[in-house]
Amino acid sequence: MKKNWIAAACLLGLLSWSQTSKAEDLFFVGLEAPLSYAFKAADDGGKFTQAKTPSGGILTVNFPVLGAFALESYEVALKNQGSHSITYQMLDYIYFLSLPFLDIGVGVGAGNAAVKGTYESSYESATATQYLLKLGIPLGVFKILGGYQVLSATPKYTAGGTYLQASGTLTTVGVALAF
């Protein structure tokens, strides 16, 4: 009789582990890293290029029913621009729709973009906005996350009154742990 209870408990544990997680049912915390940033071309045809993979990260916290909130902070070094970079700090709201094998999240974000480097005092930081798409693959209590974000930001050059095109697209990858 005791062996039956142990076997039933083990079977129940295995079944609960193999069930896919649903984003709306779980509280989860995720960390993502930016993979690449592609700058949008300016009106005059000029375009920045990233020097290397952006540095920084994204912290996402999902609450059951309410949706997810994310804090982003990352820096994109500019190729052929010396030590110049553009830093982005954003706050996002994401709502996940859960399918049995995939979680799809859509969201919006707002924050700021600032030029860093030798001439950073020549630029005002700009308000940045974005739309985002997140995909999550549930694996038990873990989730593999991927993201695509379309960002809009134009820091102002204070001396000339012109604007710098810092808009673009960001791709991310990460992992989340559900509780």
N, C-alpha and C. Protein backbone atom coordinates (compact mmCIF):
# COMPACT_ATOMS: atom_id res chain seq x y z
N MET A 1 0.83 -1.20 0.00
CA MET A 1 0.00 0.00 0.00
C MET A 1 0.87 1.26 0.00
N LYS A 2 1.95 1.24 0.80
CA LYS A 2 2.83 2.38 0.87
C LYS A 2 3.53 2.62 -0.47
N LYS A 3 3.88 1.52 -1.17
CA LYS A 3 4.54 1.63 -2.47
C LYS A 3 3.62 2.28 -3.49
N ASN A 4 2.32 2.02 -3.40
CA ASN A 4 1.36 2.64 -4.32
C ASN A 4 1.32 4.16 -4.15
N TRP A 5 1.37 4.62 -2.91
CA TRP A 5 1.36 6.05 -2.65
C TRP A 5 2.63 6.71 -3.19
N ILE A 6 3.75 6.05 -3.01
CA ILE A 6 5.02 6.59 -3.51
C ILE A 6 5.01 6.62 -5.04
N ALA A 7 4.53 5.55 -5.65
CA ALA A 7 4.45 5.49 -7.11
C ALA A 7 3.49 6.56 -7.64
N ALA A 8 2.35 6.75 -6.96
CA ALA A 8 1.39 7.76 -7.38
C ALA A 8 1.98 9.17 -7.25
N ALA A 9 2.72 9.42 -6.18
CA ALA A 9 3.35 10.73 -5.99
C ALA A 9 4.41 10.98 -7.06
N CYS A 10 5.20 9.96 -7.39
CA CYS A 10 6.22 10.10 -8.45
C CYS A 10 5.56 10.34 -9.81
N LEU A 11 4.48 9.61 -10.10
CA LEU A 11 3.78 9.78 -11.37
C LEU A 11 3.17 11.18 -11.47
N LEU A 12 2.58 11.65 -10.38
CA LEU A 12 2.00 12.99 -10.36
C LEU A 12 3.08 14.04 -10.57
N GLY A 13 4.24 13.85 -9.95
CA GLY A 13 5.36 14.77 -10.13
C GLY A 13 5.84 14.81 -11.57
N LEU A 14 5.95 13.63 -12.21
CA LEU A 14 6.38 13.57 -13.60
C LEU A 14 5.36 14.23 -14.53
N LEU A 15 4.08 14.00 -14.28
CA LEU A 15 3.04 14.60 -15.11
C LEU A 15 3.04 16.12 -14.98
N SER A 16 3.20 16.62 -13.77
CA SER A 16 3.20 18.07 -13.59
C SER A 16 4.44 18.70 -14.19
N TRP A 17 5.57 18.00 -14.20
CA TRP A 17 6.80 18.52 -14.79
C TRP A 17 6.69 18.57 -16.31
N SER A 18 5.99 17.60 -16.90
CA SER A 18 5.93 17.52 -18.36
C SER A 18 4.86 18.44 -18.95
N GLN A 19 3.99 19.01 -18.15
CA GLN A 19 2.97 19.92 -18.67
C GLN A 19 3.61 21.22 -19.10
N THR A 20 3.16 21.79 -20.20
CA THR A 20 3.71 23.07 -20.64
C THR A 20 3.17 24.18 -19.75
N SER A 21 4.03 25.15 -19.49
CA SER A 21 3.64 26.30 -18.68
C SER A 21 2.80 27.25 -19.52
N LYS A 22 1.88 27.90 -18.87
CA LYS A 22 1.08 28.92 -19.53
C LYS A 22 1.47 30.26 -18.94
N ALA A 23 1.79 31.20 -19.78
CA ALA A 23 2.28 32.49 -19.32
C ALA A 23 1.28 33.21 -18.42
N GLU A 24 -0.01 33.10 -18.73
CA GLU A 24 -0.98 33.83 -17.93
C GLU A 24 -1.23 33.18 -16.57
N ASP A 25 -0.79 31.94 -16.38
CA ASP A 25 -0.99 31.23 -15.12
C ASP A 25 0.20 31.34 -14.18
N LEU A 26 1.34 31.81 -14.67
CA LEU A 26 2.56 31.76 -13.88
C LEU A 26 3.17 33.13 -13.66
N PHE A 27 3.79 33.26 -12.51
CA PHE A 27 4.66 34.40 -12.24
C PHE A 27 6.03 33.98 -12.74
N PHE A 28 6.63 34.73 -13.63
CA PHE A 28 7.98 34.37 -14.06
C PHE A 28 8.88 35.59 -14.14
N VAL A 29 10.17 35.31 -13.98
CA VAL A 29 11.20 36.33 -14.08
C VAL A 29 12.14 35.91 -15.19
N GLY A 30 12.41 36.81 -16.11
CA GLY A 30 13.26 36.49 -17.25
C GLY A 30 14.38 37.50 -17.43
N LEU A 31 15.49 37.01 -17.96
CA LEU A 31 16.62 37.85 -18.32
C LEU A 31 16.91 37.66 -19.80
N GLU A 32 17.07 38.76 -20.51
CA GLU A 32 17.37 38.70 -21.94
C GLU A 32 18.61 39.54 -22.23
N ALA A 33 19.33 39.12 -23.25
CA ALA A 33 20.49 39.86 -23.72
C ALA A 33 20.24 40.33 -25.14
N PRO A 34 20.64 41.56 -25.46
CA PRO A 34 20.49 42.02 -26.84
C PRO A 34 21.48 41.31 -27.76
N LEU A 35 21.00 40.83 -28.90
CA LEU A 35 21.87 40.16 -29.88
C LEU A 35 22.40 41.13 -30.92
N SER A 36 21.51 41.95 -31.47
CA SER A 36 21.95 42.89 -32.50
C SER A 36 21.00 44.09 -32.54
N TYR A 37 21.54 45.19 -33.01
CA TYR A 37 20.75 46.40 -33.20
C TYR A 37 21.03 46.91 -34.60
N ALA A 38 19.99 47.09 -35.39
CA ALA A 38 20.12 47.61 -36.76
C ALA A 38 19.52 49.01 -36.79
N PHE A 39 20.35 50.00 -37.08
CA PHE A 39 19.89 51.38 -37.14
C PHE A 39 19.07 51.63 -38.39
N LYS A 40 18.06 52.48 -38.24
CA LYS A 40 17.23 52.91 -39.37
C LYS A 40 18.01 53.99 -40.13
N ALA A 41 17.86 54.02 -41.44
CA ALA A 41 18.51 55.05 -42.25
C ALA A 41 17.86 56.41 -42.00
N ALA A 42 18.67 57.44 -41.95
CA ALA A 42 18.18 58.80 -41.76
C ALA A 42 17.58 59.32 -43.07
N ASP A 43 16.88 60.45 -43.00
CA ASP A 43 16.27 61.04 -44.19
C ASP A 43 17.30 61.39 -45.26
N ASP A 44 18.52 61.73 -44.83
CA ASP A 44 19.56 62.08 -45.80
C ASP A 44 20.29 60.85 -46.34
N GLY A 45 19.86 59.67 -45.94
CA GLY A 45 20.45 58.42 -46.43
C GLY A 45 21.56 57.89 -45.54
N GLY A 46 22.04 58.69 -44.60
CA GLY A 46 23.10 58.25 -43.68
C GLY A 46 22.56 57.22 -42.70
N LYS A 47 23.45 56.35 -42.25
CA LYS A 47 23.02 55.29 -41.35
C LYS A 47 24.19 54.86 -40.47
N PHE A 48 23.93 54.73 -39.17
CA PHE A 48 24.94 54.21 -38.25
C PHE A 48 25.02 52.70 -38.38
N THR A 49 26.14 52.15 -37.96
CA THR A 49 26.33 50.70 -37.90
C THR A 49 26.85 50.37 -36.52
N GLN A 50 26.34 49.30 -35.93
CA GLN A 50 26.84 48.90 -34.61
C GLN A 50 28.25 48.35 -34.75
N ALA A 51 29.12 48.67 -33.79
CA ALA A 51 30.50 48.21 -33.82
C ALA A 51 30.62 46.78 -33.34
N LYS A 52 29.78 46.40 -32.40
CA LYS A 52 29.80 45.05 -31.83
C LYS A 52 28.43 44.76 -31.23
N THR A 53 28.28 43.58 -30.68
CA THR A 53 27.01 43.22 -30.05
C THR A 53 26.69 44.22 -28.94
N PRO A 54 25.44 44.70 -28.87
CA PRO A 54 25.08 45.63 -27.81
C PRO A 54 25.33 45.02 -26.43
N SER A 55 25.70 45.86 -25.47
CA SER A 55 25.91 45.38 -24.11
C SER A 55 24.76 45.85 -23.24
N GLY A 56 24.42 45.07 -22.24
CA GLY A 56 23.33 45.41 -21.34
C GLY A 56 22.38 44.25 -21.19
N GLY A 57 21.16 44.53 -20.75
CA GLY A 57 20.21 43.45 -20.56
C GLY A 57 18.79 43.95 -20.35
N ILE A 58 17.89 42.97 -20.30
CA ILE A 58 16.47 43.24 -20.11
C ILE A 58 15.96 42.31 -19.02
N LEU A 59 15.32 42.88 -18.01
CA LEU A 59 14.72 42.11 -16.92
C LEU A 59 13.21 42.16 -17.10
N THR A 60 12.57 41.00 -17.23
CA THR A 60 11.13 40.91 -17.42
C THR A 60 10.50 40.19 -16.24
N VAL A 61 9.42 40.75 -15.72
CA VAL A 61 8.67 40.11 -14.63
C VAL A 61 7.23 40.00 -15.10
N ASN A 62 6.72 38.76 -15.17
CA ASN A 62 5.34 38.50 -15.62
C ASN A 62 4.47 38.19 -14.41
N PHE A 63 3.34 38.87 -14.30
CA PHE A 63 2.37 38.63 -13.24
C PHE A 63 1.16 37.94 -13.85
N PRO A 64 0.60 36.94 -13.16
CA PRO A 64 -0.59 36.27 -13.69
C PRO A 64 -1.70 37.30 -13.94
N VAL A 65 -2.35 37.20 -15.06
CA VAL A 65 -3.47 38.03 -15.51
C VAL A 65 -3.07 39.47 -15.86
N LEU A 66 -2.19 40.10 -15.10
CA LEU A 66 -1.84 41.51 -15.32
C LEU A 66 -0.96 41.75 -16.54
N GLY A 67 -0.11 40.81 -16.88
CA GLY A 67 0.86 41.00 -17.95
C GLY A 67 2.25 41.14 -17.39
N ALA A 68 3.18 41.51 -18.24
CA ALA A 68 4.59 41.58 -17.85
C ALA A 68 5.10 43.01 -17.93
N PHE A 69 6.04 43.31 -17.07
CA PHE A 69 6.74 44.58 -17.08
C PHE A 69 8.21 44.29 -17.29
N ALA A 70 8.88 45.11 -18.09
CA ALA A 70 10.29 44.88 -18.38
C ALA A 70 11.08 46.17 -18.22
N LEU A 71 12.28 46.04 -17.69
CA LEU A 71 13.23 47.14 -17.60
C LEU A 71 14.37 46.83 -18.55
N GLU A 72 14.70 47.78 -19.41
CA GLU A 72 15.77 47.58 -20.39
C GLU A 72 16.85 48.63 -20.18
N SER A 73 18.08 48.20 -20.28
CA SER A 73 19.20 49.11 -20.27
C SER A 73 20.30 48.48 -21.10
N TYR A 74 20.62 49.11 -22.23
CA TYR A 74 21.67 48.58 -23.08
C TYR A 74 22.35 49.71 -23.85
N GLU A 75 23.54 49.41 -24.33
CA GLU A 75 24.36 50.39 -25.03
C GLU A 75 24.80 49.81 -26.37
N VAL A 76 24.71 50.62 -27.41
CA VAL A 76 25.12 50.21 -28.76
C VAL A 76 26.31 51.07 -29.17
N ALA A 77 27.48 50.44 -29.28
CA ALA A 77 28.68 51.15 -29.72
C ALA A 77 28.59 51.40 -31.23
N LEU A 78 29.03 52.58 -31.65
CA LEU A 78 28.92 52.96 -33.05
C LEU A 78 30.22 52.69 -33.80
N LYS A 79 30.11 52.04 -34.93
CA LYS A 79 31.27 51.72 -35.76
C LYS A 79 31.79 52.99 -36.44
N ASN A 80 33.11 53.12 -36.50
CA ASN A 80 33.78 54.26 -37.15
C ASN A 80 33.40 55.61 -36.52
N GLN A 81 33.03 55.61 -35.26
CA GLN A 81 32.66 56.86 -34.58
C GLN A 81 33.47 57.03 -33.30
N GLY A 82 34.67 56.48 -33.22
CA GLY A 82 35.50 56.60 -32.02
C GLY A 82 34.87 55.86 -30.86
N SER A 83 34.79 56.54 -29.74
CA SER A 83 34.24 55.91 -28.54
C SER A 83 32.76 56.23 -28.34
N HIS A 84 32.10 56.68 -29.37
CA HIS A 84 30.70 57.06 -29.25
C HIS A 84 29.78 55.84 -29.20
N SER A 85 28.71 56.01 -28.46
CA SER A 85 27.69 54.97 -28.36
C SER A 85 26.36 55.64 -28.06
N ILE A 86 25.30 54.87 -28.19
CA ILE A 86 23.97 55.34 -27.82
C ILE A 86 23.44 54.39 -26.77
N THR A 87 22.98 54.95 -25.65
CA THR A 87 22.43 54.13 -24.58
C THR A 87 20.91 54.29 -24.57
N TYR A 88 20.25 53.19 -24.30
CA TYR A 88 18.79 53.15 -24.25
C TYR A 88 18.37 52.64 -22.88
N GLN A 89 17.41 53.32 -22.27
CA GLN A 89 16.80 52.87 -21.02
C GLN A 89 15.30 52.95 -21.21
N MET A 90 14.65 51.78 -21.05
CA MET A 90 13.23 51.70 -21.39
C MET A 90 12.46 50.96 -20.28
N LEU A 91 11.18 51.25 -20.20
CA LEU A 91 10.22 50.52 -19.37
C LEU A 91 9.13 50.03 -20.31
N ASP A 92 8.84 48.73 -20.27
CA ASP A 92 7.90 48.12 -21.20
C ASP A 92 6.73 47.46 -20.48
N TYR A 93 5.61 47.37 -21.19
CA TYR A 93 4.48 46.55 -20.77
C TYR A 93 4.22 45.53 -21.88
N ILE A 94 4.14 44.25 -21.50
CA ILE A 94 3.95 43.17 -22.47
C ILE A 94 2.81 42.29 -22.00
N TYR A 95 1.95 41.89 -22.93
CA TYR A 95 0.90 40.93 -22.59
C TYR A 95 1.13 39.66 -23.39
N PHE A 96 1.19 38.53 -22.68
CA PHE A 96 1.45 37.24 -23.31
C PHE A 96 0.16 36.47 -23.54
N LEU A 97 0.02 35.92 -24.74
CA LEU A 97 -1.05 35.00 -25.09
C LEU A 97 -0.41 33.62 -25.13
N SER A 98 -0.99 32.70 -24.39
CA SER A 98 -0.37 31.39 -24.24
C SER A 98 -1.05 30.34 -25.10
N LEU A 99 -0.26 29.67 -25.91
CA LEU A 99 -0.69 28.50 -26.67
C LEU A 99 -0.03 27.29 -26.02
N PRO A 100 -0.46 26.07 -26.31
CA PRO A 100 0.13 24.90 -25.64
C PRO A 100 1.65 24.76 -25.84
N PHE A 101 2.17 25.23 -26.94
CA PHE A 101 3.59 25.03 -27.24
C PHE A 101 4.36 26.34 -27.41
N LEU A 102 3.68 27.49 -27.33
CA LEU A 102 4.32 28.77 -27.59
C LEU A 102 3.58 29.89 -26.87
N ASP A 103 4.33 30.82 -26.31
CA ASP A 103 3.75 32.03 -25.72
C ASP A 103 4.11 33.20 -26.62
N ILE A 104 3.11 33.99 -26.98
CA ILE A 104 3.32 35.14 -27.85
C ILE A 104 2.99 36.39 -27.05
N GLY A 105 3.94 37.31 -26.99
CA GLY A 105 3.74 38.55 -26.26
C GLY A 105 3.86 39.76 -27.16
N VAL A 106 2.97 40.71 -26.98
CA VAL A 106 3.05 41.99 -27.69
C VAL A 106 3.08 43.09 -26.64
N GLY A 107 3.80 44.15 -26.94
CA GLY A 107 3.89 45.20 -25.95
C GLY A 107 4.35 46.53 -26.50
N VAL A 108 4.41 47.49 -25.60
CA VAL A 108 4.87 48.84 -25.90
C VAL A 108 5.85 49.25 -24.82
N GLY A 109 6.70 50.20 -25.16
CA GLY A 109 7.67 50.68 -24.19
C GLY A 109 7.99 52.15 -24.40
N ALA A 110 8.50 52.77 -23.36
CA ALA A 110 8.92 54.17 -23.43
C ALA A 110 10.13 54.36 -22.53
N GLY A 111 10.94 55.33 -22.88
CA GLY A 111 12.14 55.61 -22.10
C GLY A 111 12.94 56.71 -22.74
N ASN A 112 14.28 56.57 -22.69
CA ASN A 112 15.11 57.60 -23.32
C ASN A 112 16.30 56.99 -24.02
N ALA A 113 16.85 57.76 -24.94
CA ALA A 113 18.06 57.40 -25.68
C ALA A 113 19.02 58.57 -25.56
N ALA A 114 20.28 58.27 -25.27
CA ALA A 114 21.27 59.33 -25.09
C ALA A 114 22.57 58.97 -25.79
N VAL A 115 23.21 59.98 -26.35
CA VAL A 115 24.52 59.81 -26.98
C VAL A 115 25.58 59.86 -25.89
N LYS A 116 26.52 58.93 -25.93
CA LYS A 116 27.63 58.88 -24.97
C LYS A 116 28.94 58.98 -25.75
N GLY A 117 29.94 59.55 -25.13
CA GLY A 117 31.24 59.67 -25.78
C GLY A 117 31.75 61.10 -25.72
N THR A 118 32.70 61.41 -26.58
CA THR A 118 33.37 62.70 -26.58
C THR A 118 32.40 63.87 -26.72
N TYR A 119 31.42 63.75 -27.59
CA TYR A 119 30.51 64.86 -27.87
C TYR A 119 29.14 64.71 -27.21
N GLU A 120 29.06 63.95 -26.13
CA GLU A 120 27.74 63.71 -25.53
C GLU A 120 27.09 64.99 -25.03
N SER A 121 27.88 65.98 -24.63
CA SER A 121 27.29 67.25 -24.16
C SER A 121 26.66 68.04 -25.30
N SER A 122 26.96 67.67 -26.54
CA SER A 122 26.39 68.36 -27.71
C SER A 122 25.01 67.84 -28.09
N TYR A 123 24.56 66.78 -27.43
CA TYR A 123 23.27 66.16 -27.77
C TYR A 123 22.36 66.11 -26.56
N GLU A 124 21.10 66.41 -26.77
CA GLU A 124 20.09 66.23 -25.73
C GLU A 124 19.59 64.79 -25.80
N SER A 125 19.32 64.20 -24.64
CA SER A 125 18.74 62.85 -24.68
C SER A 125 17.32 62.96 -25.25
N ALA A 126 16.90 61.90 -25.90
CA ALA A 126 15.60 61.91 -26.59
C ALA A 126 14.64 60.94 -25.93
N THR A 127 13.37 61.24 -26.05
CA THR A 127 12.34 60.29 -25.64
C THR A 127 12.33 59.16 -26.66
N ALA A 128 12.32 57.94 -26.17
CA ALA A 128 12.30 56.77 -27.04
C ALA A 128 11.01 56.00 -26.81
N THR A 129 10.43 55.50 -27.88
CA THR A 129 9.24 54.64 -27.79
C THR A 129 9.50 53.39 -28.62
N GLN A 130 8.78 52.33 -28.30
CA GLN A 130 8.97 51.10 -29.05
C GLN A 130 7.74 50.21 -29.00
N TYR A 131 7.68 49.34 -30.00
CA TYR A 131 6.72 48.25 -30.06
C TYR A 131 7.54 46.98 -30.00
N LEU A 132 7.01 45.96 -29.34
CA LEU A 132 7.78 44.73 -29.23
C LEU A 132 6.95 43.48 -29.42
N LEU A 133 7.64 42.46 -29.88
CA LEU A 133 7.07 41.13 -30.05
C LEU A 133 7.98 40.17 -29.32
N LYS A 134 7.43 39.37 -28.42
CA LYS A 134 8.20 38.38 -27.67
C LYS A 134 7.63 37.00 -27.95
N LEU A 135 8.50 36.04 -28.07
CA LEU A 135 8.10 34.64 -28.21
C LEU A 135 8.74 33.86 -27.07
N GLY A 136 7.97 32.97 -26.48
CA GLY A 136 8.48 32.13 -25.41
C GLY A 136 8.15 30.67 -25.67
N ILE A 137 9.14 29.82 -25.50
CA ILE A 137 8.93 28.38 -25.64
C ILE A 137 8.99 27.78 -24.24
N PRO A 138 7.83 27.32 -23.70
CA PRO A 138 7.81 26.76 -22.35
C PRO A 138 8.48 25.39 -22.30
N LEU A 139 9.35 25.21 -21.33
CA LEU A 139 10.01 23.93 -21.07
C LEU A 139 9.91 23.64 -19.58
N GLY A 140 8.77 23.15 -19.15
CA GLY A 140 8.56 22.93 -17.71
C GLY A 140 8.47 24.27 -17.01
N VAL A 141 9.34 24.48 -16.01
CA VAL A 141 9.34 25.74 -15.28
C VAL A 141 10.24 26.78 -15.94
N PHE A 142 10.91 26.41 -17.00
CA PHE A 142 11.76 27.35 -17.75
C PHE A 142 11.06 27.79 -19.02
N LYS A 143 11.53 28.89 -19.55
CA LYS A 143 11.00 29.39 -20.81
C LYS A 143 12.16 30.03 -21.58
N ILE A 144 12.30 29.64 -22.84
CA ILE A 144 13.27 30.27 -23.72
C ILE A 144 12.59 31.47 -24.36
N LEU A 145 13.19 32.64 -24.24
CA LEU A 145 12.60 33.87 -24.75
C LEU A 145 13.36 34.41 -25.95
N GLY A 146 12.63 34.98 -26.88
CA GLY A 146 13.22 35.69 -28.01
C GLY A 146 12.39 36.93 -28.25
N GLY A 147 13.03 37.99 -28.71
CA GLY A 147 12.29 39.22 -28.91
C GLY A 147 12.73 39.99 -30.13
N TYR A 148 11.79 40.77 -30.65
CA TYR A 148 12.04 41.68 -31.77
C TYR A 148 11.39 43.00 -31.40
N GLN A 149 12.16 44.07 -31.39
CA GLN A 149 11.67 45.36 -30.95
C GLN A 149 11.95 46.43 -32.01
N VAL A 150 10.95 47.26 -32.27
CA VAL A 150 11.09 48.37 -33.21
C VAL A 150 11.07 49.65 -32.39
N LEU A 151 12.20 50.35 -32.39
CA LEU A 151 12.41 51.48 -31.51
C LEU A 151 12.50 52.79 -32.31
N SER A 152 11.99 53.86 -31.73
CA SER A 152 12.04 55.17 -32.36
C SER A 152 12.64 56.18 -31.38
N ALA A 153 13.74 56.83 -31.79
CA ALA A 153 14.39 57.84 -30.95
C ALA A 153 15.23 58.76 -31.83
N THR A 154 15.18 60.06 -31.55
CA THR A 154 15.97 61.03 -32.32
C THR A 154 16.57 62.09 -31.38
N PRO A 155 17.77 61.84 -30.82
CA PRO A 155 18.42 62.86 -29.99
C PRO A 155 18.71 64.13 -30.79
N LYS A 156 18.56 65.28 -30.14
CA LYS A 156 18.74 66.57 -30.83
C LYS A 156 20.17 67.08 -30.64
N TYR A 157 20.77 67.52 -31.75
CA TYR A 157 22.09 68.16 -31.73
C TYR A 157 21.86 69.61 -31.32
N THR A 158 22.36 70.00 -30.14
CA THR A 158 22.02 71.30 -29.57
C THR A 158 22.57 72.48 -30.36
N ALA A 159 23.74 72.35 -30.96
CA ALA A 159 24.34 73.48 -31.68
C ALA A 159 23.63 73.77 -33.00
N GLY A 160 23.23 72.74 -33.72
CA GLY A 160 22.65 72.95 -35.04
C GLY A 160 21.15 72.79 -35.10
N GLY A 161 20.55 72.29 -34.05
CA GLY A 161 19.10 72.08 -34.05
C GLY A 161 18.65 70.92 -34.92
N THR A 162 19.59 70.10 -35.38
CA THR A 162 19.24 68.93 -36.18
C THR A 162 19.07 67.72 -35.27
N TYR A 163 18.54 66.66 -35.83
CA TYR A 163 18.28 65.46 -35.05
C TYR A 163 19.11 64.29 -35.57
N LEU A 164 19.51 63.45 -34.65
CA LEU A 164 20.30 62.25 -34.95
C LEU A 164 19.35 61.06 -35.02
N GLN A 165 19.42 60.27 -36.06
CA GLN A 165 18.53 59.11 -36.20
C GLN A 165 19.10 57.94 -35.39
N ALA A 166 18.50 57.68 -34.23
CA ALA A 166 18.93 56.57 -33.37
C ALA A 166 17.88 55.47 -33.34
N SER A 167 16.89 55.55 -34.21
CA SER A 167 15.84 54.53 -34.29
C SER A 167 16.39 53.26 -34.91
N GLY A 168 15.70 52.15 -34.69
CA GLY A 168 16.14 50.90 -35.30
C GLY A 168 15.38 49.71 -34.75
N THR A 169 15.95 48.54 -34.98
CA THR A 169 15.35 47.29 -34.49
C THR A 169 16.35 46.53 -33.64
N LEU A 170 15.85 45.91 -32.59
CA LEU A 170 16.67 45.15 -31.66
C LEU A 170 16.16 43.72 -31.61
N THR A 171 17.06 42.76 -31.63
CA THR A 171 16.70 41.36 -31.41
C THR A 171 17.33 40.91 -30.10
N THR A 172 16.59 40.08 -29.36
CA THR A 172 17.05 39.63 -28.05
C THR A 172 16.84 38.13 -27.90
N VAL A 173 17.55 37.55 -26.94
CA VAL A 173 17.35 36.15 -26.58
C VAL A 173 17.58 36.04 -25.07
N GLY A 174 16.85 35.13 -24.44
CA GLY A 174 17.01 34.98 -23.00
C GLY A 174 16.29 33.77 -22.46
N VAL A 175 16.22 33.71 -21.14
CA VAL A 175 15.59 32.60 -20.44
C VAL A 175 14.79 33.15 -19.27
N ALA A 176 13.70 32.47 -18.94
CA ALA A 176 12.86 32.86 -17.81
C ALA A 176 12.62 31.66 -16.92
N LEU A 177 12.37 31.93 -15.66
CA LEU A 177 12.07 30.90 -14.68
C LEU A 177 10.71 31.20 -14.08
N ALA A 178 9.80 30.23 -14.13
CA ALA A 178 8.44 30.40 -13.60
C ALA A 178 8.37 29.90 -12.16
N PHE A 179 7.52 30.55 -11.37
CA PHE A 179 7.33 30.16 -9.97
C PHE A 179 5.90 29.72 -9.75
